[in-house]
Amino acid sequence: MAPNRVLGVMLLVAGCILLALAYQQSQSIADQTKHVFTGEFRDRTTIMLIGGAVSAVVGIVALLVPSRRLGYGH
């Protein structure tokens, strides 16, 4: 398996885990209370959502780009 495929799978899995944890955290009482009064989530939840989304997108791109374009193919 090409290195970019392994990296892509790892990033995609990590991104999905971060998104799931961020969603779970956004449903907490602390986050819901802040969201009601300020209209935004806690900083930690926001960072996890953004990090998870970016990681998942980069993972998908790494899986879709042929390894020849990255210099790993023959």
Protein backbone atom coordinates (compact mmCIF):
# COMPACT_ATOMS: atom_id res chain seq x y z
CA MET A 1 0.00 0.00 0.00
CA ALA A 2 1.37 3.41 -0.94
CA PRO A 3 2.43 5.71 1.90
CA ASN A 4 -0.12 8.36 0.94
CA ARG A 5 -2.92 5.78 1.19
CA VAL A 6 -1.83 4.75 4.69
CA LEU A 7 -1.59 8.39 5.74
CA GLY A 8 -4.98 9.10 4.15
CA VAL A 9 -6.67 6.28 6.05
CA MET A 10 -5.05 7.36 9.32
CA LEU A 11 -6.12 10.99 8.84
CA LEU A 12 -9.63 10.01 7.84
CA VAL A 13 -10.05 7.77 10.90
CA ALA A 14 -8.58 10.43 13.22
CA GLY A 15 -10.85 13.08 11.70
CA CYS A 16 -13.95 10.93 12.16
CA ILE A 17 -13.01 10.21 15.78
CA LEU A 18 -12.46 13.93 16.46
CA LEU A 19 -15.79 14.82 14.86
CA ALA A 20 -17.61 12.19 16.90
CA LEU A 21 -15.99 13.39 20.14
CA ALA A 22 -16.73 17.02 19.29
CA TYR A 23 -20.37 16.19 18.56
CA GLN A 24 -20.66 14.31 21.83
CA GLN A 25 -19.05 17.20 23.68
CA SER A 26 -21.36 19.73 21.99
CA GLN A 27 -24.32 17.92 23.53
CA SER A 28 -23.00 18.41 27.07
CA ILE A 29 -24.83 20.70 29.48
CA ALA A 30 -21.90 23.13 29.61
CA ASP A 31 -21.81 23.51 25.83
CA GLN A 32 -25.58 23.72 25.53
CA THR A 33 -25.74 26.42 28.20
CA LYS A 34 -23.04 28.50 26.52
CA HIS A 35 -24.71 27.98 23.14
CA VAL A 36 -28.05 29.23 24.47
CA PHE A 37 -26.58 32.42 25.94
CA THR A 38 -23.83 33.28 23.44
CA GLY A 39 -24.78 31.41 20.27
CA GLU A 40 -21.42 29.62 20.10
CA PHE A 41 -19.82 26.52 21.53
CA ARG A 42 -16.86 26.32 23.90
CA ASP A 43 -13.44 26.85 22.33
CA ARG A 44 -12.37 23.24 22.84
CA THR A 45 -15.43 21.93 21.02
CA THR A 46 -14.94 24.35 18.14
CA ILE A 47 -11.26 23.41 17.79
CA MET A 48 -12.15 19.71 17.76
CA LEU A 49 -14.83 20.26 15.11
CA ILE A 50 -12.47 22.23 12.86
CA GLY A 51 -9.55 19.85 13.41
CA GLY A 52 -11.69 16.81 12.72
CA ALA A 53 -13.15 18.28 9.55
CA VAL A 54 -9.74 19.35 8.22
CA SER A 55 -8.19 15.98 9.07
CA ALA A 56 -11.01 14.09 7.37
CA VAL A 57 -10.83 16.23 4.22
CA VAL A 58 -7.04 15.89 3.98
CA GLY A 59 -7.40 12.14 4.49
CA ILE A 60 -9.94 11.88 1.67
CA VAL A 61 -7.72 13.93 -0.64
CA ALA A 62 -4.73 11.73 0.19
CA LEU A 63 -6.79 8.66 -0.68
CA LEU A 64 -8.04 10.10 -3.97
CA VAL A 65 -4.81 11.60 -5.34
CA PRO A 66 -2.85 8.98 -7.28
CA SER A 67 0.49 8.11 -5.72
CA ARG A 68 2.24 8.87 -9.04
CA ARG A 69 1.42 12.56 -8.60
CA LEU A 70 3.16 12.57 -5.23
CA GLY A 71 6.31 10.85 -6.53
CA TYR A 72 5.71 7.42 -4.95
CA GLY A 73 4.57 5.54 -8.06
CA HIS A 74 6.58 4.12 -10.92
